[in-house]
Amino acid sequence: MTLRHLRIFTDVYRARSVTAAASALHLTQPAVTRAVQELEEHYGVRLFERIRRRMSPTDSGQRLYARAMHVLDAFDRMEEELSDRDEQGLVRVGATVTLGGTLLPALVQQFARENPRIDVRVTVANGDAVAAGLAENRLDIGLLEGGVTSDELHSEVIGSDRLCLVLPASHPLAARDRVTLRELARLPLLVRERGSTARTLLEQTLEAEGLTLDPIWESASTEAILQAVARGLGAAVLPEQVAAASIRDGSVCTRRVSGAPLERRRLLVWHRDKYLTQAMRRFIELCRRTACQSSSDSARPRHWR
């Protein structure tokens, strides 16, 4: 089994077609078919089901693809580094919507100042999408909240944040300092889409108390939710930092939820098999450094409006 076998296999996997993979690789179809068959014989497994001329990966094929992508990436990165091209390298960073709109811009700006010849490409998505990008080697480093469920991903805590109830400034509950979880559950709630860490935490917190989440509005856009809350269409559970601008202009207010800390860990994540280039290591160290600098700030009491 060679790197050539893996490159052919990954192209067939992505194209789901021997013909398309052969065209992309400038190889004959028999050569591509033979390489896949040699892999199957080497491992003693079936990698694809061949149904109506379409290649459908088996469970073994899916597992091999996940590993092969990291093996090939490590080899390519090694060649770049040994050829002294890493100083002009690339770091692909994924972040959740909250961290992509708060923490990440300053991190990327600082990294660019310190490493002007290294490009950073950013993907902002929900937590599930970022974790999938790391697992499939479409991302190098991730910034997530909550936790990771895959044993293939390494994570370390770099901070925390707390969710709060966001209400229209004129809402009757705005006269209270705190709101109970049962009162929250009865409100018309506007929430993020499935897969977001904020929604997952809210669902788990309600479920632990025997309550269910029945939102009237679901959106991938935090700004859309804030605008809807400001117009009196409902309430939301969001990080206070995300609602800061709307709080300052007086269109919404935040309240703590009694008995529900709704606290999330901020995580720095990458795949355990990832070959970390010098550029990636520098970005990781910047994240750690920033976390240390902000730890004293996060320990200060929060001011709820």
C-alpha atoms as a PDB file:
ATOM      1  CA  MET A   1       0.000   0.000   0.000  1.00  0.00           C
ATOM      2  CA  THR A   2       1.480   3.330  -1.086  1.00  0.00           C
ATOM      3  CA  LEU A   3       0.608   7.016  -1.107  1.00  0.00           C
ATOM      4  CA  ARG A   4      -0.392   6.535  -4.734  1.00  0.00           C
ATOM      5  CA  HIS A   5      -3.020   4.011  -3.656  1.00  0.00           C
ATOM      6  CA  LEU A   6      -4.391   6.467  -1.096  1.00  0.00           C
ATOM      7  CA  ARG A   7      -4.514   9.365  -3.557  1.00  0.00           C
ATOM      8  CA  ILE A   8      -6.426   7.262  -6.082  1.00  0.00           C
ATOM      9  CA  PHE A   9      -8.771   5.954  -3.390  1.00  0.00           C
ATOM     10  CA  THR A  10      -9.587   9.445  -2.061  1.00  0.00           C
ATOM     11  CA  ASP A  11     -10.334  10.712  -5.581  1.00  0.00           C
ATOM     12  CA  VAL A  12     -12.674   7.775  -6.229  1.00  0.00           C
ATOM     13  CA  TYR A  13     -14.312   8.361  -2.838  1.00  0.00           C
ATOM     14  CA  ARG A  14     -14.996  12.029  -3.571  1.00  0.00           C
ATOM     15  CA  ALA A  15     -16.125  11.457  -7.169  1.00  0.00           C
ATOM     16  CA  ARG A  16     -18.074   8.257  -6.382  1.00  0.00           C
ATOM     17  CA  SER A  17     -16.934   7.188  -9.835  1.00  0.00           C
ATOM     18  CA  VAL A  18     -13.924   5.378 -11.300  1.00  0.00           C
ATOM     19  CA  THR A  19     -14.413   7.174 -14.617  1.00  0.00           C
ATOM     20  CA  ALA A  20     -14.421  10.647 -13.067  1.00  0.00           C
ATOM     21  CA  ALA A  21     -11.445   9.841 -10.816  1.00  0.00           C
ATOM     22  CA  ALA A  22      -9.448   8.450 -13.731  1.00  0.00           C
ATOM     23  CA  SER A  23     -10.121  11.613 -15.745  1.00  0.00           C
ATOM     24  CA  ALA A  24      -9.066  13.866 -12.869  1.00  0.00           C
ATOM     25  CA  LEU A  25      -5.893  11.846 -12.238  1.00  0.00           C
ATOM     26  CA  HIS A  26      -5.059  11.388 -15.950  1.00  0.00           C
ATOM     27  CA  LEU A  27      -5.008   7.618 -15.515  1.00  0.00           C
ATOM     28  CA  THR A  28      -6.780   4.811 -17.307  1.00  0.00           C
ATOM     29  CA  GLN A  29      -9.908   3.383 -15.723  1.00  0.00           C
ATOM     30  CA  PRO A  30      -8.327  -0.100 -15.343  1.00  0.00           C
ATOM     31  CA  ALA A  31      -5.400   1.461 -13.448  1.00  0.00           C
ATOM     32  CA  VAL A  32      -7.764   3.189 -11.017  1.00  0.00           C
ATOM     33  CA  THR A  33      -9.868   0.055 -10.559  1.00  0.00           C
ATOM     34  CA  ARG A  34      -6.736  -2.017  -9.954  1.00  0.00           C
ATOM     35  CA  ALA A  35      -5.451   0.409  -7.287  1.00  0.00           C
ATOM     36  CA  VAL A  36      -8.751   0.213  -5.387  1.00  0.00           C
ATOM     37  CA  GLN A  37      -8.805  -3.579  -5.656  1.00  0.00           C
ATOM     38  CA  GLU A  38      -5.223  -3.781  -4.353  1.00  0.00           C
ATOM     39  CA  LEU A  39      -6.233  -1.701  -1.332  1.00  0.00           C
ATOM     40  CA  GLU A  40      -9.204  -3.962  -0.677  1.00  0.00           C
ATOM     41  CA  GLU A  41      -7.018  -7.048  -0.949  1.00  0.00           C
ATOM     42  CA  HIS A  42      -4.346  -5.503   1.290  1.00  0.00           C
ATOM     43  CA  TYR A  43      -6.817  -4.803   4.117  1.00  0.00           C
ATOM     44  CA  GLY A  44      -9.172  -7.684   3.439  1.00  0.00           C
ATOM     45  CA  VAL A  45     -12.244  -5.449   3.306  1.00  0.00           C
ATOM     46  CA  ARG A  46     -14.694  -4.090   0.757  1.00  0.00           C
ATOM     47  CA  LEU A  47     -14.249  -0.310   0.378  1.00  0.00           C
ATOM     48  CA  PHE A  48     -17.073   0.353  -2.086  1.00  0.00           C
ATOM     49  CA  GLU A  49     -20.393  -1.181  -3.041  1.00  0.00           C
ATOM     50  CA  ARG A  50     -20.703  -1.032  -6.808  1.00  0.00           C
ATOM     51  CA  ILE A  51     -24.376  -0.406  -7.556  1.00  0.00           C
ATOM     52  CA  ARG A  52     -25.536   0.698 -11.005  1.00  0.00           C
ATOM     53  CA  ARG A  53     -22.083   2.007 -11.907  1.00  0.00           C
ATOM     54  CA  ARG A  54     -22.010   4.222  -8.825  1.00  0.00           C
ATOM     55  CA  MET A  55     -19.432   3.711  -6.058  1.00  0.00           C
ATOM     56  CA  SER A  56     -21.018   3.842  -2.609  1.00  0.00           C
ATOM     57  CA  PRO A  57     -18.428   3.713   0.211  1.00  0.00           C
ATOM     58  CA  THR A  58     -18.847   1.047   2.864  1.00  0.00           C
ATOM     59  CA  ASP A  59     -18.206   1.675   6.573  1.00  0.00           C
ATOM     60  CA  SER A  60     -14.619   0.504   6.004  1.00  0.00           C
ATOM     61  CA  GLY A  61     -14.302   2.901   3.089  1.00  0.00           C
ATOM     62  CA  GLN A  62     -15.527   5.812   5.200  1.00  0.00           C
ATOM     63  CA  ARG A  63     -13.035   4.995   7.968  1.00  0.00           C
ATOM     64  CA  LEU A  64     -10.153   4.672   5.527  1.00  0.00           C
ATOM     65  CA  TYR A  65     -11.041   7.977   3.855  1.00  0.00           C
ATOM     66  CA  ALA A  66     -10.976   9.847   7.181  1.00  0.00           C
ATOM     67  CA  ARG A  67      -7.517   8.435   7.940  1.00  0.00           C
ATOM     68  CA  ALA A  68      -6.181   8.740   4.410  1.00  0.00           C
ATOM     69  CA  MET A  69      -6.964  12.446   4.224  1.00  0.00           C
ATOM     70  CA  HIS A  70      -4.796  13.106   7.280  1.00  0.00           C
ATOM     71  CA  VAL A  71      -1.973  10.851   6.048  1.00  0.00           C
ATOM     72  CA  LEU A  72      -1.870  12.635   2.683  1.00  0.00           C
ATOM     73  CA  ASP A  73      -2.146  16.044   4.305  1.00  0.00           C
ATOM     74  CA  ALA A  74       0.716  15.241   6.696  1.00  0.00           C
ATOM     75  CA  PHE A  75       2.904  14.142   3.784  1.00  0.00           C
ATOM     76  CA  ASP A  76       2.117  17.260   1.732  1.00  0.00           C
ATOM     77  CA  ARG A  77       2.690  19.556   4.719  1.00  0.00           C
ATOM     78  CA  MET A  78       6.010  17.838   5.466  1.00  0.00           C
ATOM     79  CA  GLU A  79       7.193  18.437   1.929  1.00  0.00           C
ATOM     80  CA  GLU A  80       6.207  22.097   2.168  1.00  0.00           C
ATOM     81  CA  GLU A  81       8.024  22.536   5.465  1.00  0.00           C
ATOM     82  CA  LEU A  82      11.182  20.759   4.308  1.00  0.00           C
ATOM     83  CA  SER A  83      11.152  22.879   1.168  1.00  0.00           C
ATOM     84  CA  ASP A  84      11.068  26.037   3.326  1.00  0.00           C
ATOM     85  CA  ARG A  85       7.660  26.990   1.972  1.00  0.00           C
ATOM     86  CA  ASP A  86       5.889  26.897   5.334  1.00  0.00           C
ATOM     87  CA  GLU A  87       6.608  30.592   5.918  1.00  0.00           C
ATOM     88  CA  GLN A  88       4.190  31.190   3.052  1.00  0.00           C
ATOM     89  CA  GLY A  89       1.769  28.589   4.331  1.00  0.00           C
ATOM     90  CA  LEU A  90      -1.922  28.358   5.055  1.00  0.00           C
ATOM     91  CA  VAL A  91      -3.963  27.862   8.214  1.00  0.00           C
ATOM     92  CA  ARG A  92      -7.632  26.898   7.849  1.00  0.00           C
ATOM     93  CA  VAL A  93      -9.603  27.908  10.922  1.00  0.00           C
ATOM     94  CA  GLY A  94     -13.214  27.082  11.738  1.00  0.00           C
ATOM     95  CA  ALA A  95     -15.255  28.798  14.436  1.00  0.00           C
ATOM     96  CA  THR A  96     -18.784  28.774  15.737  1.00  0.00           C
ATOM     97  CA  VAL A  97     -20.995  31.745  14.922  1.00  0.00           C
ATOM     98  CA  THR A  98     -20.484  33.241  18.391  1.00  0.00           C
ATOM     99  CA  LEU A  99     -16.695  32.898  18.443  1.00  0.00           C
ATOM    100  CA  GLY A 100     -16.458  33.803  14.759  1.00  0.00           C
ATOM    101  CA  GLY A 101     -18.145  37.105  15.530  1.00  0.00           C
ATOM    102  CA  THR A 102     -16.365  37.919  18.786  1.00  0.00           C
ATOM    103  CA  LEU A 103     -13.026  36.227  19.515  1.00  0.00           C
ATOM    104  CA  LEU A 104     -11.791  35.177  16.062  1.00  0.00           C
ATOM    105  CA  PRO A 105     -11.475  38.537  14.239  1.00  0.00           C
ATOM    106  CA  ALA A 106      -9.004  39.879  16.804  1.00  0.00           C
ATOM    107  CA  LEU A 107      -7.065  36.587  16.750  1.00  0.00           C
ATOM    108  CA  VAL A 108      -6.737  36.619  12.957  1.00  0.00           C
ATOM    109  CA  GLN A 109      -5.740  40.286  12.975  1.00  0.00           C
ATOM    110  CA  GLN A 110      -3.011  39.683  15.553  1.00  0.00           C
ATOM    111  CA  PHE A 111      -1.797  36.545  13.757  1.00  0.00           C
ATOM    112  CA  ALA A 112      -1.527  38.501  10.492  1.00  0.00           C
ATOM    113  CA  ARG A 113       0.588  41.150  12.215  1.00  0.00           C
ATOM    114  CA  GLU A 114       2.948  38.521  13.615  1.00  0.00           C
ATOM    115  CA  ASN A 115       2.972  36.282  10.503  1.00  0.00           C
ATOM    116  CA  PRO A 116       2.384  38.478   7.429  1.00  0.00           C
ATOM    117  CA  ARG A 117       3.373  35.777   4.931  1.00  0.00           C
ATOM    118  CA  ILE A 118       0.926  33.160   6.196  1.00  0.00           C
ATOM    119  CA  ASP A 119      -2.653  33.092   4.925  1.00  0.00           C
ATOM    120  CA  VAL A 120      -5.580  32.336   7.219  1.00  0.00           C
ATOM    121  CA  ARG A 121      -8.814  31.058   5.728  1.00  0.00           C
ATOM    122  CA  VAL A 122     -11.827  31.196   8.013  1.00  0.00           C
ATOM    123  CA  THR A 123     -15.058  29.203   8.063  1.00  0.00           C
ATOM    124  CA  VAL A 124     -17.814  30.309  10.446  1.00  0.00           C
ATOM    125  CA  ALA A 125     -20.566  27.721  10.991  1.00  0.00           C
ATOM    126  CA  ASN A 126     -22.391  25.905  13.766  1.00  0.00           C
ATOM    127  CA  GLY A 127     -20.526  23.585  16.113  1.00  0.00           C
ATOM    128  CA  ASP A 128     -21.448  20.350  14.326  1.00  0.00           C
ATOM    129  CA  ALA A 129     -20.239  21.705  10.987  1.00  0.00           C
ATOM    130  CA  VAL A 130     -16.909  22.863  12.427  1.00  0.00           C
ATOM    131  CA  ALA A 131     -16.339  19.485  14.123  1.00  0.00           C
ATOM    132  CA  ALA A 132     -17.116  17.703  10.843  1.00  0.00           C
ATOM    133  CA  GLY A 133     -14.659  19.951   8.999  1.00  0.00           C
ATOM    134  CA  LEU A 134     -11.920  19.010  11.453  1.00  0.00           C
ATOM    135  CA  ALA A 135     -12.718  15.298  11.212  1.00  0.00           C
ATOM    136  CA  GLU A 136     -12.687  15.385   7.400  1.00  0.00           C
ATOM    137  CA  ASN A 137      -9.526  17.528   7.187  1.00  0.00           C
ATOM    138  CA  ARG A 138     -11.284  20.495   5.583  1.00  0.00           C
ATOM    139  CA  LEU A 139     -10.205  22.561   8.594  1.00  0.00           C
ATOM    140  CA  ASP A 140      -6.931  22.581  10.533  1.00  0.00           C
ATOM    141  CA  ILE A 141      -7.986  24.244  13.801  1.00  0.00           C
ATOM    142  CA  GLY A 142     -11.377  24.856  15.353  1.00  0.00           C
ATOM    143  CA  LEU A 143     -12.791  27.191  17.992  1.00  0.00           C
ATOM    144  CA  LEU A 144     -15.861  25.635  19.599  1.00  0.00           C
ATOM    145  CA  GLU A 145     -18.045  25.948  22.672  1.00  0.00           C
ATOM    146  CA  GLY A 146     -19.373  23.148  24.844  1.00  0.00           C
ATOM    147  CA  GLY A 147     -17.609  19.869  24.100  1.00  0.00           C
ATOM    148  CA  VAL A 148     -16.576  17.468  21.350  1.00  0.00           C
ATOM    149  CA  THR A 149     -18.049  13.991  21.021  1.00  0.00           C
ATOM    150  CA  SER A 150     -15.461  12.452  18.698  1.00  0.00           C
ATOM    151  CA  ASP A 151     -12.452  10.652  20.194  1.00  0.00           C
ATOM    152  CA  GLU A 152     -10.517  11.638  17.061  1.00  0.00           C
ATOM    153  CA  LEU A 153     -10.503  15.308  18.076  1.00  0.00           C
ATOM    154  CA  HIS A 154      -8.107  16.818  20.604  1.00  0.00           C
ATOM    155  CA  SER A 155      -9.535  19.719  22.613  1.00  0.00           C
ATOM    156  CA  GLU A 156      -8.332  22.062  25.319  1.00  0.00           C
ATOM    157  CA  VAL A 157     -10.205  24.714  27.273  1.00  0.00           C
ATOM    158  CA  ILE A 158      -9.258  28.324  26.522  1.00  0.00           C
ATOM    159  CA  GLY A 159     -12.065  30.089  28.363  1.00  0.00           C
ATOM    160  CA  SER A 160     -15.798  30.101  28.979  1.00  0.00           C
ATOM    161  CA  ASP A 161     -18.913  32.153  28.441  1.00  0.00           C
ATOM    162  CA  ARG A 162     -22.448  32.197  29.803  1.00  0.00           C
ATOM    163  CA  LEU A 163     -25.761  32.367  27.992  1.00  0.00           C
ATOM    164  CA  CYS A 164     -28.496  34.696  29.162  1.00  0.00           C
ATOM    165  CA  LEU A 165     -32.139  35.341  28.421  1.00  0.00           C
ATOM    166  CA  VAL A 166     -32.558  38.172  25.905  1.00  0.00           C
ATOM    167  CA  LEU A 167     -35.877  40.033  26.118  1.00  0.00           C
ATOM    168  CA  PRO A 168     -37.473  43.037  24.424  1.00  0.00           C
ATOM    169  CA  ALA A 169     -36.725  46.081  26.575  1.00  0.00           C
ATOM    170  CA  SER A 170     -40.475  46.555  27.214  1.00  0.00           C
ATOM    171  CA  HIS A 171     -41.195  42.944  28.222  1.00  0.00           C
ATOM    172  CA  PRO A 172     -42.921  42.476  31.639  1.00  0.00           C
ATOM    173  CA  LEU A 173     -40.135  40.106  32.776  1.00  0.00           C
ATOM    174  CA  ALA A 174     -37.604  42.894  32.194  1.00  0.00           C
ATOM    175  CA  ALA A 175     -38.723  44.335  35.556  1.00  0.00           C
ATOM    176  CA  ARG A 176     -37.299  41.239  37.275  1.00  0.00           C
ATOM    177  CA  ASP A 177     -33.658  40.531  38.109  1.00  0.00           C
ATOM    178  CA  ARG A 178     -33.986  36.829  37.328  1.00  0.00           C
ATOM    179  CA  VAL A 179     -36.331  34.494  35.455  1.00  0.00           C
ATOM    180  CA  THR A 180     -36.974  30.832  36.272  1.00  0.00           C
ATOM    181  CA  LEU A 181     -36.346  28.077  33.792  1.00  0.00           C
ATOM    182  CA  ARG A 182     -40.064  27.213  33.708  1.00  0.00           C
ATOM    183  CA  GLU A 183     -40.912  30.822  32.915  1.00  0.00           C
ATOM    184  CA  LEU A 184     -38.340  30.772  30.146  1.00  0.00           C
ATOM    185  CA  ALA A 185     -39.811  27.564  28.673  1.00  0.00           C
ATOM    186  CA  ARG A 186     -43.258  29.208  28.445  1.00  0.00           C
ATOM    187  CA  LEU A 187     -41.954  32.150  26.418  1.00  0.00           C
ATOM    188  CA  PRO A 188     -42.159  32.272  22.607  1.00  0.00           C
ATOM    189  CA  LEU A 189     -38.528  31.379  21.942  1.00  0.00           C
ATOM    190  CA  LEU A 190     -36.354  32.293  18.995  1.00  0.00           C
ATOM    191  CA  VAL A 191     -33.390  29.916  18.723  1.00  0.00           C
ATOM    192  CA  ARG A 192     -30.386  29.046  16.592  1.00  0.00           C
ATOM    193  CA  GLU A 193     -30.522  26.134  14.165  1.00  0.00           C
ATOM    194  CA  ARG A 194     -29.929  22.508  15.191  1.00  0.00           C
ATOM    195  CA  GLY A 195     -26.228  21.785  15.595  1.00  0.00           C
ATOM    196  CA  SER A 196     -25.413  25.109  17.258  1.00  0.00           C
ATOM    197  CA  THR A 197     -23.883  24.808  20.715  1.00  0.00           C
ATOM    198  CA  ALA A 198     -26.200  27.451  22.206  1.00  0.00           C
ATOM    199  CA  ARG A 199     -29.279  25.518  21.153  1.00  0.00           C
ATOM    200  CA  THR A 200     -27.841  22.181  22.281  1.00  0.00           C
ATOM    201  CA  LEU A 201     -27.053  23.554  25.742  1.00  0.00           C
ATOM    202  CA  LEU A 202     -30.521  25.074  26.076  1.00  0.00           C
ATOM    203  CA  GLU A 203     -32.189  21.820  25.014  1.00  0.00           C
ATOM    204  CA  GLN A 204     -30.116  19.790  27.475  1.00  0.00           C
ATOM    205  CA  THR A 205     -30.806  22.221  30.334  1.00  0.00           C
ATOM    206  CA  LEU A 206     -34.561  22.149  29.721  1.00  0.00           C
ATOM    207  CA  GLU A 207     -34.600  18.372  29.311  1.00  0.00           C
ATOM    208  CA  ALA A 208     -32.841  17.913  32.663  1.00  0.00           C
ATOM    209  CA  GLU A 209     -35.792  19.706  34.283  1.00  0.00           C
ATOM    210  CA  GLY A 210     -38.403  17.733  32.362  1.00  0.00           C
ATOM    211  CA  LEU A 211     -39.108  20.645  30.012  1.00  0.00           C
ATOM    212  CA  THR A 212     -39.087  20.740  26.233  1.00  0.00           C
ATOM    213  CA  LEU A 213     -37.929  23.322  23.725  1.00  0.00           C
ATOM    214  CA  ASP A 214     -40.681  24.325  21.290  1.00  0.00           C
ATOM    215  CA  PRO A 215     -39.338  27.356  19.389  1.00  0.00           C
ATOM    216  CA  ILE A 216     -41.419  29.627  17.187  1.00  0.00           C
ATOM    217  CA  TRP A 217     -38.375  30.760  15.203  1.00  0.00           C
ATOM    218  CA  GLU A 218     -35.184  28.996  14.119  1.00  0.00           C
ATOM    219  CA  SER A 219     -32.336  30.816  12.405  1.00  0.00           C
ATOM    220  CA  ALA A 220     -28.653  30.414  11.578  1.00  0.00           C
ATOM    221  CA  SER A 221     -28.338  34.189  11.954  1.00  0.00           C
ATOM    222  CA  THR A 222     -27.879  35.576  15.451  1.00  0.00           C
ATOM    223  CA  GLU A 223     -28.515  39.072  14.104  1.00  0.00           C
ATOM    224  CA  ALA A 224     -31.895  37.997  12.713  1.00  0.00           C
ATOM    225  CA  ILE A 225     -32.847  36.626  16.128  1.00  0.00           C
ATOM    226  CA  LEU A 226     -31.796  39.832  17.889  1.00  0.00           C
ATOM    227  CA  GLN A 227     -33.773  41.963  15.449  1.00  0.00           C
ATOM    228  CA  ALA A 228     -36.850  39.791  16.009  1.00  0.00           C
ATOM    229  CA  VAL A 229     -36.485  40.045  19.800  1.00  0.00           C
ATOM    230  CA  ALA A 230     -36.100  43.826  19.563  1.00  0.00           C
ATOM    231  CA  ARG A 231     -39.396  43.965  17.640  1.00  0.00           C
ATOM    232  CA  GLY A 232     -41.190  42.045  20.369  1.00  0.00           C
ATOM    233  CA  LEU A 233     -41.595  38.759  18.458  1.00  0.00           C
ATOM    234  CA  GLY A 234     -40.223  36.628  21.270  1.00  0.00           C
ATOM    235  CA  ALA A 235     -37.259  35.933  23.544  1.00  0.00           C
ATOM    236  CA  ALA A 236     -33.904  34.254  22.938  1.00  0.00           C
ATOM    237  CA  VAL A 237     -31.087  32.603  24.863  1.00  0.00           C
ATOM    238  CA  LEU A 238     -27.752  33.949  23.610  1.00  0.00           C
ATOM    239  CA  PRO A 239     -24.293  34.929  24.890  1.00  0.00           C
ATOM    240  CA  GLU A 240     -24.466  38.416  26.399  1.00  0.00           C
ATOM    241  CA  GLN A 241     -21.421  39.464  24.364  1.00  0.00           C
ATOM    242  CA  VAL A 242     -23.325  38.733  21.161  1.00  0.00           C
ATOM    243  CA  ALA A 243     -26.225  40.934  22.294  1.00  0.00           C
ATOM    244  CA  ALA A 244     -23.958  43.740  23.516  1.00  0.00           C
ATOM    245  CA  ALA A 245     -24.718  46.219  20.715  1.00  0.00           C
ATOM    246  CA  SER A 246     -28.485  45.717  21.043  1.00  0.00           C
ATOM    247  CA  ILE A 247     -28.181  46.125  24.821  1.00  0.00           C
ATOM    248  CA  ARG A 248     -26.325  49.417  24.400  1.00  0.00           C
ATOM    249  CA  ASP A 249     -28.939  50.884  22.064  1.00  0.00           C
ATOM    250  CA  GLY A 250     -31.694  49.873  24.497  1.00  0.00           C
ATOM    251  CA  SER A 251     -33.667  47.638  22.126  1.00  0.00           C
ATOM    252  CA  VAL A 252     -33.178  44.506  24.269  1.00  0.00           C
ATOM    253  CA  CYS A 253     -32.176  43.605  27.810  1.00  0.00           C
ATOM    254  CA  THR A 254     -30.684  40.468  29.371  1.00  0.00           C
ATOM    255  CA  ARG A 255     -31.624  38.550  32.476  1.00  0.00           C
ATOM    256  CA  ARG A 256     -30.040  35.605  34.260  1.00  0.00           C
ATOM    257  CA  VAL A 257     -31.984  32.339  34.495  1.00  0.00           C
ATOM    258  CA  SER A 258     -32.305  31.058  38.068  1.00  0.00           C
ATOM    259  CA  GLY A 259     -30.913  27.579  38.686  1.00  0.00           C
ATOM    260  CA  ALA A 260     -29.519  27.284  35.166  1.00  0.00           C
ATOM    261  CA  PRO A 261     -25.894  28.417  34.834  1.00  0.00           C
ATOM    262  CA  LEU A 262     -25.998  27.914  31.037  1.00  0.00           C
ATOM    263  CA  GLU A 263     -22.205  28.135  30.962  1.00  0.00           C
ATOM    264  CA  ARG A 264     -20.126  26.853  28.072  1.00  0.00           C
ATOM    265  CA  ARG A 265     -16.446  26.070  27.765  1.00  0.00           C
ATOM    266  CA  ARG A 266     -14.542  27.623  24.881  1.00  0.00           C
ATOM    267  CA  LEU A 267     -12.412  24.983  23.202  1.00  0.00           C
ATOM    268  CA  LEU A 268      -9.379  24.966  20.925  1.00  0.00           C
ATOM    269  CA  VAL A 269      -9.685  21.809  18.782  1.00  0.00           C
ATOM    270  CA  TRP A 270      -7.779  19.881  16.135  1.00  0.00           C
ATOM    271  CA  HIS A 271      -7.633  16.298  14.863  1.00  0.00           C
ATOM    272  CA  ARG A 272      -5.374  13.970  16.836  1.00  0.00           C
ATOM    273  CA  ASP A 273      -3.765  12.716  13.603  1.00  0.00           C
ATOM    274  CA  LYS A 274      -3.206  16.227  12.273  1.00  0.00           C
ATOM    275  CA  TYR A 275       0.305  17.151  11.216  1.00  0.00           C
ATOM    276  CA  LEU A 276       0.711  20.587  12.758  1.00  0.00           C
ATOM    277  CA  THR A 277       2.910  22.868  10.686  1.00  0.00           C
ATOM    278  CA  GLN A 278       4.851  25.700  12.266  1.00  0.00           C
ATOM    279  CA  ALA A 279       2.130  28.091  11.079  1.00  0.00           C
ATOM    280  CA  MET A 280      -0.584  26.058  12.795  1.00  0.00           C
ATOM    281  CA  ARG A 281       1.457  25.802  15.985  1.00  0.00           C
ATOM    282  CA  ARG A 282       1.867  29.579  16.011  1.00  0.00           C
ATOM    283  CA  PHE A 283      -1.896  30.063  15.697  1.00  0.00           C
ATOM    284  CA  ILE A 284      -2.493  27.569  18.517  1.00  0.00           C
ATOM    285  CA  GLU A 285       0.010  29.363  20.740  1.00  0.00           C
ATOM    286  CA  LEU A 286      -1.649  32.700  19.982  1.00  0.00           C
ATOM    287  CA  CYS A 287      -5.006  31.240  21.076  1.00  0.00           C
ATOM    288  CA  ARG A 288      -3.442  29.980  24.312  1.00  0.00           C
ATOM    289  CA  ARG A 289      -1.717  33.293  24.909  1.00  0.00           C
ATOM    290  CA  THR A 290      -4.932  35.220  24.354  1.00  0.00           C
ATOM    291  CA  ALA A 291      -6.769  32.890  26.738  1.00  0.00           C
ATOM    292  CA  CYS A 292      -4.184  33.511  29.471  1.00  0.00           C
ATOM    293  CA  GLN A 293      -4.404  37.272  28.969  1.00  0.00           C
ATOM    294  CA  SER A 294      -8.203  37.276  29.204  1.00  0.00           C
ATOM    295  CA  SER A 295      -8.523  34.816  32.112  1.00  0.00           C
ATOM    296  CA  SER A 296      -8.492  37.580  34.706  1.00  0.00           C
ATOM    297  CA  ASP A 297     -11.208  39.461  32.822  1.00  0.00           C
ATOM    298  CA  SER A 298     -13.446  36.403  32.638  1.00  0.00           C
ATOM    299  CA  ALA A 299     -13.099  35.925  36.396  1.00  0.00           C
ATOM    300  CA  ARG A 300     -14.598  39.351  37.106  1.00  0.00           C
ATOM    301  CA  PRO A 301     -18.291  39.547  38.020  1.00  0.00           C
ATOM    302  CA  ARG A 302     -20.609  39.891  35.037  1.00  0.00           C
ATOM    303  CA  HIS A 303     -22.962  42.841  34.827  1.00  0.00           C
ATOM    304  CA  TRP A 304     -26.479  41.845  33.818  1.00  0.00           C
ATOM    305  CA  ARG A 305     -28.798  44.407  32.359  1.00  0.00           C
END
